[in-house]
Amino acid sequence: MMILQSLRKVWDLSLFSYFMINIVLNMCVVFYLTLVLWISIHTLPCSSPRK
């Protein structure tokens, strides 16, 4: 019975860490895409007429 409980605990922990890693990766991808979009918008000469 104790082995089952510890196995379940390890399973929950691995699932939790998997979800956390997924969330962090998604945030990194979104941040990277936003940065690239921001840089591309700000480096285009036609989209910055106010100087």
PDB file of N, CA and C in Angstrom:
ATOM      1  N   MET A   1       0.834  -1.209   0.000  1.00  0.00           N
ATOM      2  CA  MET A   1       0.000   0.000   0.000  1.00  0.00           C
ATOM      3  C   MET A   1       0.870   1.261   0.000  1.00  0.00           C
ATOM      4  N   MET A   2       1.938   1.222   0.761  1.00  0.00           N
ATOM      5  CA  MET A   2       2.833   2.379   0.802  1.00  0.00           C
ATOM      6  C   MET A   2       3.507   2.596  -0.547  1.00  0.00           C
ATOM      7  N   ILE A   3       3.836   1.504  -1.222  1.00  0.00           N
ATOM      8  CA  ILE A   3       4.492   1.621  -2.530  1.00  0.00           C
ATOM      9  C   ILE A   3       3.545   2.297  -3.521  1.00  0.00           C
ATOM     10  N   LEU A   4       2.273   1.927  -3.452  1.00  0.00           N
ATOM     11  CA  LEU A   4       1.289   2.530  -4.350  1.00  0.00           C
ATOM     12  C   LEU A   4       1.170   4.029  -4.086  1.00  0.00           C
ATOM     13  N   GLN A   5       1.136   4.402  -2.823  1.00  0.00           N
ATOM     14  CA  GLN A   5       1.006   5.823  -2.480  1.00  0.00           C
ATOM     15  C   GLN A   5       2.216   6.616  -2.967  1.00  0.00           C
ATOM     16  N   SER A   6       3.393   6.070  -2.761  1.00  0.00           N
ATOM     17  CA  SER A   6       4.598   6.778  -3.195  1.00  0.00           C
ATOM     18  C   SER A   6       4.656   6.869  -4.719  1.00  0.00           C
ATOM     19  N   LEU A   7       4.206   5.806  -5.380  1.00  0.00           N
ATOM     20  CA  LEU A   7       4.168   5.836  -6.846  1.00  0.00           C
ATOM     21  C   LEU A   7       3.209   6.920  -7.333  1.00  0.00           C
ATOM     22  N   ARG A   8       2.069   7.004  -6.673  1.00  0.00           N
ATOM     23  CA  ARG A   8       1.091   8.023  -7.062  1.00  0.00           C
ATOM     24  C   ARG A   8       1.653   9.422  -6.821  1.00  0.00           C
ATOM     25  N   LYS A   9       2.381   9.583  -5.727  1.00  0.00           N
ATOM     26  CA  LYS A   9       2.980  10.878  -5.431  1.00  0.00           C
ATOM     27  C   LYS A   9       3.990  11.265  -6.508  1.00  0.00           C
ATOM     28  N   VAL A  10       4.817  10.309  -6.887  1.00  0.00           N
ATOM     29  CA  VAL A  10       5.816  10.572  -7.924  1.00  0.00           C
ATOM     30  C   VAL A  10       5.120  10.890  -9.244  1.00  0.00           C
ATOM     31  N   TRP A  11       4.043  10.171  -9.539  1.00  0.00           N
ATOM     32  CA  TRP A  11       3.299  10.408 -10.775  1.00  0.00           C
ATOM     33  C   TRP A  11       2.710  11.809 -10.785  1.00  0.00           C
ATOM     34  N   ASP A  12       2.115  12.225  -9.660  1.00  0.00           N
ATOM     35  CA  ASP A  12       1.554  13.574  -9.557  1.00  0.00           C
ATOM     36  C   ASP A  12       2.645  14.619  -9.749  1.00  0.00           C
ATOM     37  N   LEU A  13       3.787  14.385  -9.146  1.00  0.00           N
ATOM     38  CA  LEU A  13       4.891  15.338  -9.246  1.00  0.00           C
ATOM     39  C   LEU A  13       5.379  15.449 -10.683  1.00  0.00           C
ATOM     40  N   SER A  14       5.506  14.325 -11.355  1.00  0.00           N
ATOM     41  CA  SER A  14       5.984  14.352 -12.743  1.00  0.00           C
ATOM     42  C   SER A  14       4.962  15.046 -13.643  1.00  0.00           C
ATOM     43  N   LEU A  15       3.685  14.797 -13.403  1.00  0.00           N
ATOM     44  CA  LEU A  15       2.639  15.463 -14.175  1.00  0.00           C
ATOM     45  C   LEU A  15       2.690  16.974 -13.943  1.00  0.00           C
ATOM     46  N   PHE A  16       2.853  17.361 -12.685  1.00  0.00           N
ATOM     47  CA  PHE A  16       2.917  18.785 -12.344  1.00  0.00           C
ATOM     48  C   PHE A  16       4.120  19.445 -13.006  1.00  0.00           C
ATOM     49  N   SER A  17       5.266  18.796 -12.936  1.00  0.00           N
ATOM     50  CA  SER A  17       6.472  19.365 -13.546  1.00  0.00           C
ATOM     51  C   SER A  17       6.320  19.429 -15.064  1.00  0.00           C
ATOM     52  N   TYR A  18       5.668  18.432 -15.641  1.00  0.00           N
ATOM     53  CA  TYR A  18       5.429  18.441 -17.088  1.00  0.00           C
ATOM     54  C   TYR A  18       4.570  19.644 -17.488  1.00  0.00           C
ATOM     55  N   PHE A  19       3.518  19.897 -16.715  1.00  0.00           N
ATOM     56  CA  PHE A  19       2.659  21.038 -17.013  1.00  0.00           C
ATOM     57  C   PHE A  19       3.403  22.353 -16.823  1.00  0.00           C
ATOM     58  N   MET A  20       4.226  22.428 -15.781  1.00  0.00           N
ATOM     59  CA  MET A  20       4.991  23.650 -15.541  1.00  0.00           C
ATOM     60  C   MET A  20       5.967  23.911 -16.680  1.00  0.00           C
ATOM     61  N   ILE A  21       6.638  22.864 -17.134  1.00  0.00           N
ATOM     62  CA  ILE A  21       7.592  23.012 -18.240  1.00  0.00           C
ATOM     63  C   ILE A  21       6.853  23.453 -19.499  1.00  0.00           C
ATOM     64  N   ASN A  22       5.683  22.893 -19.728  1.00  0.00           N
ATOM     65  CA  ASN A  22       4.882  23.286 -20.895  1.00  0.00           C
ATOM     66  C   ASN A  22       4.502  24.761 -20.830  1.00  0.00           C
ATOM     67  N   ILE A  23       4.077  25.207 -19.654  1.00  0.00           N
ATOM     68  CA  ILE A  23       3.661  26.600 -19.487  1.00  0.00           C
ATOM     69  C   ILE A  23       4.847  27.536 -19.707  1.00  0.00           C
ATOM     70  N   VAL A  24       5.991  27.170 -19.137  1.00  0.00           N
ATOM     71  CA  VAL A  24       7.186  28.009 -19.278  1.00  0.00           C
ATOM     72  C   VAL A  24       7.616  28.072 -20.745  1.00  0.00           C
ATOM     73  N   LEU A  25       7.565  26.934 -21.417  1.00  0.00           N
ATOM     74  CA  LEU A  25       7.951  26.904 -22.834  1.00  0.00           C
ATOM     75  C   LEU A  25       6.998  27.759 -23.667  1.00  0.00           C
ATOM     76  N   ASN A  26       5.718  27.653 -23.385  1.00  0.00           N
ATOM     77  CA  ASN A  26       4.743  28.463 -24.121  1.00  0.00           C
ATOM     78  C   ASN A  26       4.978  29.951 -23.891  1.00  0.00           C
ATOM     79  N   MET A  27       5.276  30.324 -22.648  1.00  0.00           N
ATOM     80  CA  MET A  27       5.554  31.723 -22.351  1.00  0.00           C
ATOM     81  C   MET A  27       6.796  32.201 -23.088  1.00  0.00           C
ATOM     82  N   CYS A  28       7.816  31.355 -23.146  1.00  0.00           N
ATOM     83  CA  CYS A  28       9.044  31.722 -23.852  1.00  0.00           C
ATOM     84  C   CYS A  28       8.763  31.918 -25.339  1.00  0.00           C
ATOM     85  N   VAL A  29       7.973  31.034 -25.911  1.00  0.00           N
ATOM     86  CA  VAL A  29       7.662  31.141 -27.344  1.00  0.00           C
ATOM     87  C   VAL A  29       6.870  32.418 -27.614  1.00  0.00           C
ATOM     88  N   VAL A  30       5.900  32.700 -26.767  1.00  0.00           N
ATOM     89  CA  VAL A  30       5.081  33.903 -26.946  1.00  0.00           C
ATOM     90  C   VAL A  30       5.944  35.156 -26.797  1.00  0.00           C
ATOM     91  N   PHE A  31       6.832  35.136 -25.804  1.00  0.00           N
ATOM     92  CA  PHE A  31       7.720  36.282 -25.592  1.00  0.00           C
ATOM     93  C   PHE A  31       8.633  36.484 -26.793  1.00  0.00           C
ATOM     94  N   TYR A  32       9.176  35.397 -27.311  1.00  0.00           N
ATOM     95  CA  TYR A  32      10.074  35.474 -28.464  1.00  0.00           C
ATOM     96  C   TYR A  32       9.338  36.008 -29.691  1.00  0.00           C
ATOM     97  N   LEU A  33       8.134  35.506 -29.925  1.00  0.00           N
ATOM     98  CA  LEU A  33       7.364  35.958 -31.086  1.00  0.00           C
ATOM     99  C   LEU A  33       7.000  37.433 -30.956  1.00  0.00           C
ATOM    100  N   THR A  34       6.636  37.846 -29.755  1.00  0.00           N
ATOM    101  CA  THR A  34       6.303  39.249 -29.532  1.00  0.00           C
ATOM    102  C   THR A  34       7.515  40.140 -29.758  1.00  0.00           C
ATOM    103  N   LEU A  35       8.658  39.690 -29.281  1.00  0.00           N
ATOM    104  CA  LEU A  35       9.891  40.457 -29.467  1.00  0.00           C
ATOM    105  C   LEU A  35      10.228  40.589 -30.949  1.00  0.00           C
ATOM    106  N   VAL A  36      10.130  39.494 -31.671  1.00  0.00           N
ATOM    107  CA  VAL A  36      10.439  39.519 -33.109  1.00  0.00           C
ATOM    108  C   VAL A  36       9.466  40.449 -33.842  1.00  0.00           C
ATOM    109  N   LEU A  37       8.200  40.359 -33.501  1.00  0.00           N
ATOM    110  CA  LEU A  37       7.199  41.220 -34.129  1.00  0.00           C
ATOM    111  C   LEU A  37       7.480  42.692 -33.813  1.00  0.00           C
ATOM    112  N   TRP A  38       7.786  42.983 -32.553  1.00  0.00           N
ATOM    113  CA  TRP A  38       8.076  44.351 -32.124  1.00  0.00           C
ATOM    114  C   TRP A  38       9.292  44.898 -32.863  1.00  0.00           C
ATOM    115  N   ILE A  39      10.345  44.101 -32.948  1.00  0.00           N
ATOM    116  CA  ILE A  39      11.566  44.531 -33.628  1.00  0.00           C
ATOM    117  C   ILE A  39      11.290  44.749 -35.117  1.00  0.00           C
ATOM    118  N   SER A  40      10.566  43.845 -35.728  1.00  0.00           N
ATOM    119  CA  SER A  40      10.291  43.981 -37.167  1.00  0.00           C
ATOM    120  C   SER A  40       9.436  45.222 -37.429  1.00  0.00           C
ATOM    121  N   ILE A  41       8.502  45.511 -36.541  1.00  0.00           N
ATOM    122  CA  ILE A  41       7.645  46.686 -36.720  1.00  0.00           C
ATOM    123  C   ILE A  41       8.471  47.961 -36.547  1.00  0.00           C
ATOM    124  N   HIS A  42       9.385  47.950 -35.588  1.00  0.00           N
ATOM    125  CA  HIS A  42      10.144  49.162 -35.293  1.00  0.00           C
ATOM    126  C   HIS A  42      11.325  49.365 -36.232  1.00  0.00           C
ATOM    127  N   THR A  43      11.719  48.344 -36.947  1.00  0.00           N
ATOM    128  CA  THR A  43      12.838  48.515 -37.872  1.00  0.00           C
ATOM    129  C   THR A  43      12.364  48.800 -39.284  1.00  0.00           C
ATOM    130  N   LEU A  44      11.080  48.612 -39.541  1.00  0.00           N
ATOM    131  CA  LEU A  44      10.555  48.936 -40.870  1.00  0.00           C
ATOM    132  C   LEU A  44      10.510  50.458 -41.030  1.00  0.00           C
ATOM    133  N   PRO A  45      11.056  50.975 -42.111  1.00  0.00           N
ATOM    134  CA  PRO A  45      11.082  52.434 -42.286  1.00  0.00           C
ATOM    135  C   PRO A  45       9.719  53.019 -42.654  1.00  0.00           C
ATOM    136  N   CYS A  46       8.868  52.215 -43.266  1.00  0.00           N
ATOM    137  CA  CYS A  46       7.582  52.741 -43.729  1.00  0.00           C
ATOM    138  C   CYS A  46       6.588  52.879 -42.579  1.00  0.00           C
ATOM    139  N   SER A  47       6.781  52.140 -41.498  1.00  0.00           N
ATOM    140  CA  SER A  47       5.811  52.173 -40.406  1.00  0.00           C
ATOM    141  C   SER A  47       6.227  53.163 -39.320  1.00  0.00           C
ATOM    142  N   SER A  48       7.285  53.947 -39.556  1.00  0.00           N
ATOM    143  CA  SER A  48       7.701  54.938 -38.564  1.00  0.00           C
ATOM    144  C   SER A  48       7.841  56.304 -39.240  1.00  0.00           C
ATOM    145  N   PRO A  49       6.745  56.945 -39.554  1.00  0.00           N
ATOM    146  CA  PRO A  49       6.814  58.250 -40.225  1.00  0.00           C
ATOM    147  C   PRO A  49       7.090  59.397 -39.260  1.00  0.00           C
ATOM    148  N   ARG A  50       6.785  59.205 -37.976  1.00  0.00           N
ATOM    149  CA  ARG A  50       6.984  60.271 -37.000  1.00  0.00           C
ATOM    150  C   ARG A  50       8.438  60.284 -36.536  1.00  0.00           C
ATOM    151  N   LYS A  51       9.182  61.267 -37.016  1.00  0.00           N
ATOM    152  CA  LYS A  51      10.594  61.377 -36.591  1.00  0.00           C
ATOM    153  C   LYS A  51      10.902  62.835 -36.288  1.00  0.00           C
TER     154      LYS A  51
END
